[in-house]
Amino acid sequence: MKLFYLILLVTAGFFNTSNIALEDEDVLTAIDIERINTHINEVKEKIAISSNYNQKIAFLVDMKIKSGRNRFFVYDIENDKIIDQGLVAHGSGSETGVGGELKFSNTPESKATALGRYSIEKCYKGIFGKAYRLAGLDETNNNALKRAIVLHRYSAVPENEQDYYISRSQGCPMVSEAFFKRIEKIIDTSRSRIILDIYY
């Protein structure tokens, strides 16, 4: 089995120049890794021109991965590796009726996930408890504050991967309570804003 993981990571290396590594045995496909590397390189370009953003950590969400699998990644930029991962819900308005196919919207009241890079802003206490406001940094998500799109926890989101789809949100990236506690520590101890990139 270890040989399989080694072959997978070596194969993935042909698709990109990043040195992504996994801390555990949760295996991503070569295509998943290629998407991660493409988006982390875009995040690196963004933070290189602004000191407003955390230079060491970024959050990535790959909406191509089904919601029952880990698709929210905590990425160590300095060492080019995933250091944590968890489940995250997408918006109910992103459902197309076709399994595995999603649509996205930046429109208020759409209840859909909006793609793009977000800046994780100050926290507040809302109906789900502590939550972090998200400011959209791209044209595809620049209504995030107006839409009240936030990063929050919800008890119905399971901690472990599932064979079926998990609950949906109103457009917010919604994670399990346990995973929220882990990323909360990272956000609260960061001296600069962390970028969250949601892509498909």
C-alpha atoms as a PDB file:
ATOM      1  CA  MET A   1       0.000   0.000   0.000  1.00  0.00           C
ATOM      2  CA  LYS A   2       2.876   2.360   0.764  1.00  0.00           C
ATOM      3  CA  LEU A   3       4.174   1.737  -2.737  1.00  0.00           C
ATOM      4  CA  PHE A   4       0.784   2.863  -4.117  1.00  0.00           C
ATOM      5  CA  TYR A   5       0.994   6.144  -2.165  1.00  0.00           C
ATOM      6  CA  LEU A   6       4.549   6.713  -3.369  1.00  0.00           C
ATOM      7  CA  ILE A   7       3.591   6.105  -7.002  1.00  0.00           C
ATOM      8  CA  LEU A   8       0.605   8.426  -6.648  1.00  0.00           C
ATOM      9  CA  LEU A   9       2.684  11.288  -5.246  1.00  0.00           C
ATOM     10  CA  VAL A  10       5.465  10.818  -7.794  1.00  0.00           C
ATOM     11  CA  THR A  11       2.908  10.752 -10.618  1.00  0.00           C
ATOM     12  CA  ALA A  12       1.321  13.927  -9.278  1.00  0.00           C
ATOM     13  CA  GLY A  13       4.703  15.626  -9.396  1.00  0.00           C
ATOM     14  CA  PHE A  14       4.686  15.524 -13.191  1.00  0.00           C
ATOM     15  CA  PHE A  15       1.629  17.790 -13.205  1.00  0.00           C
ATOM     16  CA  ASN A  16       3.173  20.614 -11.170  1.00  0.00           C
ATOM     17  CA  THR A  17       6.285  21.997  -9.556  1.00  0.00           C
ATOM     18  CA  SER A  18       5.038  22.139  -5.965  1.00  0.00           C
ATOM     19  CA  ASN A  19       6.294  19.771  -3.288  1.00  0.00           C
ATOM     20  CA  ILE A  20       2.907  18.941  -1.799  1.00  0.00           C
ATOM     21  CA  ALA A  21       3.004  16.200   0.798  1.00  0.00           C
ATOM     22  CA  LEU A  22       0.352  14.585   2.936  1.00  0.00           C
ATOM     23  CA  GLU A  23       0.672  14.239   6.691  1.00  0.00           C
ATOM     24  CA  ASP A  24      -1.539  11.132   6.874  1.00  0.00           C
ATOM     25  CA  GLU A  25      -2.823   8.321   4.690  1.00  0.00           C
ATOM     26  CA  ASP A  26      -5.839  10.184   3.287  1.00  0.00           C
ATOM     27  CA  VAL A  27      -5.000   9.866  -0.394  1.00  0.00           C
ATOM     28  CA  LEU A  28      -5.971  12.460  -2.968  1.00  0.00           C
ATOM     29  CA  THR A  29      -5.970  11.693  -6.670  1.00  0.00           C
ATOM     30  CA  ALA A  30      -3.333  13.153  -8.946  1.00  0.00           C
ATOM     31  CA  ILE A  31      -6.009  15.472 -10.372  1.00  0.00           C
ATOM     32  CA  ASP A  32      -6.974  16.651  -6.862  1.00  0.00           C
ATOM     33  CA  ILE A  33      -3.312  17.411  -6.135  1.00  0.00           C
ATOM     34  CA  GLU A  34      -2.920  19.232  -9.451  1.00  0.00           C
ATOM     35  CA  ARG A  35      -5.889  21.476  -8.582  1.00  0.00           C
ATOM     36  CA  ILE A  36      -4.509  22.142  -5.096  1.00  0.00           C
ATOM     37  CA  ASN A  37      -1.125  23.111  -6.493  1.00  0.00           C
ATOM     38  CA  THR A  38      -2.637  25.410  -9.125  1.00  0.00           C
ATOM     39  CA  HIS A  39      -4.667  27.258  -6.518  1.00  0.00           C
ATOM     40  CA  ILE A  40      -1.983  27.416  -3.855  1.00  0.00           C
ATOM     41  CA  ASN A  41       0.329  28.992  -6.449  1.00  0.00           C
ATOM     42  CA  GLU A  42      -2.340  31.644  -7.111  1.00  0.00           C
ATOM     43  CA  VAL A  43      -2.639  32.256  -3.362  1.00  0.00           C
ATOM     44  CA  LYS A  44       1.154  32.594  -3.119  1.00  0.00           C
ATOM     45  CA  GLU A  45       1.074  35.225  -5.871  1.00  0.00           C
ATOM     46  CA  LYS A  46      -1.651  37.111  -3.995  1.00  0.00           C
ATOM     47  CA  ILE A  47       0.122  37.145  -0.645  1.00  0.00           C
ATOM     48  CA  ALA A  48       3.474  38.021  -2.241  1.00  0.00           C
ATOM     49  CA  ILE A  49       2.148  41.463  -3.202  1.00  0.00           C
ATOM     50  CA  SER A  50       0.412  42.227   0.087  1.00  0.00           C
ATOM     51  CA  SER A  51       1.564  42.047   3.685  1.00  0.00           C
ATOM     52  CA  ASN A  52      -2.088  42.020   4.794  1.00  0.00           C
ATOM     53  CA  TYR A  53      -2.282  38.255   4.391  1.00  0.00           C
ATOM     54  CA  ASN A  54      -0.797  35.347   6.293  1.00  0.00           C
ATOM     55  CA  GLN A  55       2.373  34.182   4.543  1.00  0.00           C
ATOM     56  CA  LYS A  56       2.486  30.777   6.225  1.00  0.00           C
ATOM     57  CA  ILE A  57      -1.030  29.279   6.119  1.00  0.00           C
ATOM     58  CA  ALA A  58      -3.862  29.195   3.586  1.00  0.00           C
ATOM     59  CA  PHE A  59      -7.192  27.366   3.470  1.00  0.00           C
ATOM     60  CA  LEU A  60      -8.341  25.627   0.282  1.00  0.00           C
ATOM     61  CA  VAL A  61     -11.748  24.115  -0.519  1.00  0.00           C
ATOM     62  CA  ASP A  62     -12.058  21.884  -3.593  1.00  0.00           C
ATOM     63  CA  MET A  63     -15.729  21.697  -4.581  1.00  0.00           C
ATOM     64  CA  LYS A  64     -14.961  19.037  -7.227  1.00  0.00           C
ATOM     65  CA  ILE A  65     -14.544  16.587  -4.361  1.00  0.00           C
ATOM     66  CA  LYS A  66     -17.898  15.253  -3.120  1.00  0.00           C
ATOM     67  CA  SER A  67     -19.102  16.637   0.197  1.00  0.00           C
ATOM     68  CA  GLY A  68     -18.750  13.307   2.000  1.00  0.00           C
ATOM     69  CA  ARG A  69     -14.981  13.419   1.516  1.00  0.00           C
ATOM     70  CA  ASN A  70     -12.446  15.764   3.080  1.00  0.00           C
ATOM     71  CA  ARG A  71     -12.208  18.763   0.788  1.00  0.00           C
ATOM     72  CA  PHE A  72     -11.292  21.623   3.145  1.00  0.00           C
ATOM     73  CA  PHE A  73      -7.493  21.718   3.369  1.00  0.00           C
ATOM     74  CA  VAL A  74      -5.253  23.623   5.772  1.00  0.00           C
ATOM     75  CA  TYR A  75      -2.109  24.253   3.774  1.00  0.00           C
ATOM     76  CA  ASP A  76       1.359  24.987   5.171  1.00  0.00           C
ATOM     77  CA  ILE A  77       2.740  27.386   2.562  1.00  0.00           C
ATOM     78  CA  GLU A  78       6.303  27.394   3.897  1.00  0.00           C
ATOM     79  CA  ASN A  79       6.663  23.610   3.748  1.00  0.00           C
ATOM     80  CA  ASP A  80       4.261  22.960   0.840  1.00  0.00           C
ATOM     81  CA  LYS A  81       2.094  20.403   2.577  1.00  0.00           C
ATOM     82  CA  ILE A  82      -1.412  19.802   3.835  1.00  0.00           C
ATOM     83  CA  ILE A  83      -1.402  19.796   7.625  1.00  0.00           C
ATOM     84  CA  ASP A  84      -5.114  19.242   8.276  1.00  0.00           C
ATOM     85  CA  GLN A  85      -8.306  18.522   6.373  1.00  0.00           C
ATOM     86  CA  GLY A  86     -12.012  18.140   6.989  1.00  0.00           C
ATOM     87  CA  LEU A  87     -15.498  17.995   5.557  1.00  0.00           C
ATOM     88  CA  VAL A  88     -17.228  21.185   4.431  1.00  0.00           C
ATOM     89  CA  ALA A  89     -20.770  21.743   3.183  1.00  0.00           C
ATOM     90  CA  HIS A  90     -21.712  23.668   0.066  1.00  0.00           C
ATOM     91  CA  GLY A  91     -24.789  25.822  -0.403  1.00  0.00           C
ATOM     92  CA  SER A  92     -28.155  24.211  -1.152  1.00  0.00           C
ATOM     93  CA  GLY A  93     -28.468  26.592  -4.099  1.00  0.00           C
ATOM     94  CA  SER A  94     -25.443  24.958  -5.693  1.00  0.00           C
ATOM     95  CA  GLU A  95     -27.291  21.673  -6.247  1.00  0.00           C
ATOM     96  CA  THR A  96     -28.077  20.876  -9.902  1.00  0.00           C
ATOM     97  CA  GLY A  97     -30.058  17.671  -9.421  1.00  0.00           C
ATOM     98  CA  VAL A  98     -27.177  15.722 -10.965  1.00  0.00           C
ATOM     99  CA  GLY A  99     -24.999  13.916  -8.443  1.00  0.00           C
ATOM    100  CA  GLY A 100     -21.518  15.373  -8.239  1.00  0.00           C
ATOM    101  CA  GLU A 101     -22.293  18.407 -10.409  1.00  0.00           C
ATOM    102  CA  LEU A 102     -22.585  21.807  -8.773  1.00  0.00           C
ATOM    103  CA  LYS A 103     -23.372  25.356  -9.883  1.00  0.00           C
ATOM    104  CA  PHE A 104     -22.181  28.525  -8.188  1.00  0.00           C
ATOM    105  CA  SER A 105     -23.506  32.016  -7.673  1.00  0.00           C
ATOM    106  CA  ASN A 106     -22.515  35.360  -6.176  1.00  0.00           C
ATOM    107  CA  THR A 107     -26.141  36.555  -6.217  1.00  0.00           C
ATOM    108  CA  PRO A 108     -27.867  37.461  -2.936  1.00  0.00           C
ATOM    109  CA  GLU A 109     -30.588  35.007  -1.844  1.00  0.00           C
ATOM    110  CA  SER A 110     -29.237  32.308  -4.203  1.00  0.00           C
ATOM    111  CA  LYS A 111     -28.179  30.080  -1.255  1.00  0.00           C
ATOM    112  CA  ALA A 112     -25.326  28.970  -3.494  1.00  0.00           C
ATOM    113  CA  THR A 113     -21.625  28.738  -2.840  1.00  0.00           C
ATOM    114  CA  ALA A 114     -19.578  31.433  -4.588  1.00  0.00           C
ATOM    115  CA  LEU A 115     -16.167  30.506  -5.943  1.00  0.00           C
ATOM    116  CA  GLY A 116     -13.075  32.612  -5.427  1.00  0.00           C
ATOM    117  CA  ARG A 117     -10.618  33.784  -2.831  1.00  0.00           C
ATOM    118  CA  TYR A 118     -11.852  35.141   0.475  1.00  0.00           C
ATOM    119  CA  SER A 119     -10.164  37.000   3.288  1.00  0.00           C
ATOM    120  CA  ILE A 120     -11.114  35.619   6.693  1.00  0.00           C
ATOM    121  CA  GLU A 121     -12.217  38.606   8.752  1.00  0.00           C
ATOM    122  CA  LYS A 122     -13.187  39.191  12.374  1.00  0.00           C
ATOM    123  CA  CYS A 123     -15.367  36.749  14.238  1.00  0.00           C
ATOM    124  CA  TYR A 124     -18.771  37.372  15.782  1.00  0.00           C
ATOM    125  CA  LYS A 125     -21.368  35.335  17.624  1.00  0.00           C
ATOM    126  CA  GLY A 126     -24.301  34.279  15.468  1.00  0.00           C
ATOM    127  CA  ILE A 127     -27.007  31.615  15.389  1.00  0.00           C
ATOM    128  CA  PHE A 128     -24.376  28.896  14.979  1.00  0.00           C
ATOM    129  CA  GLY A 129     -22.128  30.343  17.681  1.00  0.00           C
ATOM    130  CA  LYS A 130     -18.758  31.760  16.772  1.00  0.00           C
ATOM    131  CA  ALA A 131     -18.347  32.488  13.058  1.00  0.00           C
ATOM    132  CA  TYR A 132     -15.900  34.378  10.844  1.00  0.00           C
ATOM    133  CA  ARG A 133     -17.000  36.946   8.295  1.00  0.00           C
ATOM    134  CA  LEU A 134     -15.636  36.372   4.794  1.00  0.00           C
ATOM    135  CA  ALA A 135     -14.719  39.204   2.418  1.00  0.00           C
ATOM    136  CA  GLY A 136     -14.709  38.179  -1.233  1.00  0.00           C
ATOM    137  CA  LEU A 137     -11.545  39.191  -3.081  1.00  0.00           C
ATOM    138  CA  ASP A 138     -12.711  38.295  -6.600  1.00  0.00           C
ATOM    139  CA  GLU A 139     -15.563  39.354  -8.898  1.00  0.00           C
ATOM    140  CA  THR A 140     -17.067  35.893  -8.449  1.00  0.00           C
ATOM    141  CA  ASN A 141     -17.528  36.363  -4.684  1.00  0.00           C
ATOM    142  CA  ASN A 142     -17.455  40.113  -4.008  1.00  0.00           C
ATOM    143  CA  ASN A 143     -20.981  40.025  -2.558  1.00  0.00           C
ATOM    144  CA  ALA A 144     -19.891  37.772   0.318  1.00  0.00           C
ATOM    145  CA  LEU A 145     -20.264  40.405   3.051  1.00  0.00           C
ATOM    146  CA  LYS A 146     -23.600  41.586   1.628  1.00  0.00           C
ATOM    147  CA  ARG A 147     -24.801  37.964   1.504  1.00  0.00           C
ATOM    148  CA  ALA A 148     -23.562  37.310   5.069  1.00  0.00           C
ATOM    149  CA  ILE A 149     -21.375  34.439   3.871  1.00  0.00           C
ATOM    150  CA  VAL A 150     -19.377  33.247   6.867  1.00  0.00           C
ATOM    151  CA  LEU A 151     -17.177  30.371   7.960  1.00  0.00           C
ATOM    152  CA  HIS A 152     -19.031  28.546  10.721  1.00  0.00           C
ATOM    153  CA  ARG A 153     -19.593  25.204  12.406  1.00  0.00           C
ATOM    154  CA  TYR A 154     -22.746  23.101  12.486  1.00  0.00           C
ATOM    155  CA  SER A 155     -23.522  20.008  14.515  1.00  0.00           C
ATOM    156  CA  ALA A 156     -25.035  18.156  11.533  1.00  0.00           C
ATOM    157  CA  VAL A 157     -21.710  18.162   9.669  1.00  0.00           C
ATOM    158  CA  PRO A 158     -19.937  14.887  10.549  1.00  0.00           C
ATOM    159  CA  GLU A 159     -16.343  14.759  11.687  1.00  0.00           C
ATOM    160  CA  ASN A 160     -15.396  11.733   9.566  1.00  0.00           C
ATOM    161  CA  GLU A 161     -15.674  11.022   5.869  1.00  0.00           C
ATOM    162  CA  GLN A 162     -18.937   9.469   4.654  1.00  0.00           C
ATOM    163  CA  ASP A 163     -20.030   7.383   1.680  1.00  0.00           C
ATOM    164  CA  TYR A 164     -22.950   9.765   1.165  1.00  0.00           C
ATOM    165  CA  TYR A 165     -23.389  13.522   0.814  1.00  0.00           C
ATOM    166  CA  ILE A 166     -23.494  15.659   3.950  1.00  0.00           C
ATOM    167  CA  SER A 167     -25.950  18.417   4.884  1.00  0.00           C
ATOM    168  CA  ARG A 168     -25.984  21.636   2.861  1.00  0.00           C
ATOM    169  CA  SER A 169     -25.677  25.256   3.979  1.00  0.00           C
ATOM    170  CA  GLN A 170     -27.277  28.525   2.905  1.00  0.00           C
ATOM    171  CA  GLY A 171     -24.152  29.298   0.869  1.00  0.00           C
ATOM    172  CA  CYS A 172     -21.583  29.361   3.673  1.00  0.00           C
ATOM    173  CA  PRO A 173     -18.595  27.045   4.062  1.00  0.00           C
ATOM    174  CA  MET A 174     -19.911  25.043   7.020  1.00  0.00           C
ATOM    175  CA  VAL A 175     -17.702  22.566   8.892  1.00  0.00           C
ATOM    176  CA  SER A 176     -17.963  20.135  11.787  1.00  0.00           C
ATOM    177  CA  GLU A 177     -17.621  21.351  15.352  1.00  0.00           C
ATOM    178  CA  ALA A 178     -14.370  19.429  15.882  1.00  0.00           C
ATOM    179  CA  PHE A 179     -12.754  20.706  12.684  1.00  0.00           C
ATOM    180  CA  PHE A 180     -13.905  24.254  13.481  1.00  0.00           C
ATOM    181  CA  LYS A 181     -12.105  24.074  16.826  1.00  0.00           C
ATOM    182  CA  ARG A 182      -8.876  23.142  15.055  1.00  0.00           C
ATOM    183  CA  ILE A 183      -9.005  25.892  12.423  1.00  0.00           C
ATOM    184  CA  GLU A 184     -10.291  28.407  14.972  1.00  0.00           C
ATOM    185  CA  LYS A 185      -6.968  28.160  16.813  1.00  0.00           C
ATOM    186  CA  ILE A 186      -5.091  28.886  13.589  1.00  0.00           C
ATOM    187  CA  ILE A 187      -7.275  31.871  12.692  1.00  0.00           C
ATOM    188  CA  ASP A 188      -7.272  33.404  16.161  1.00  0.00           C
ATOM    189  CA  THR A 189      -3.499  33.199  16.557  1.00  0.00           C
ATOM    190  CA  SER A 190      -2.778  34.624  13.106  1.00  0.00           C
ATOM    191  CA  ARG A 191      -1.492  38.205  13.115  1.00  0.00           C
ATOM    192  CA  SER A 192      -2.661  38.702   9.545  1.00  0.00           C
ATOM    193  CA  ARG A 193      -5.710  37.628   7.589  1.00  0.00           C
ATOM    194  CA  ILE A 194      -5.801  34.108   6.190  1.00  0.00           C
ATOM    195  CA  ILE A 195      -6.904  33.507   2.617  1.00  0.00           C
ATOM    196  CA  LEU A 196      -9.577  30.909   1.930  1.00  0.00           C
ATOM    197  CA  ASP A 197      -9.768  29.805  -1.714  1.00  0.00           C
ATOM    198  CA  ILE A 198     -12.935  27.971  -2.816  1.00  0.00           C
ATOM    199  CA  TYR A 199     -12.631  26.483  -6.297  1.00  0.00           C
ATOM    200  CA  TYR A 200     -14.169  23.907  -8.667  1.00  0.00           C
END
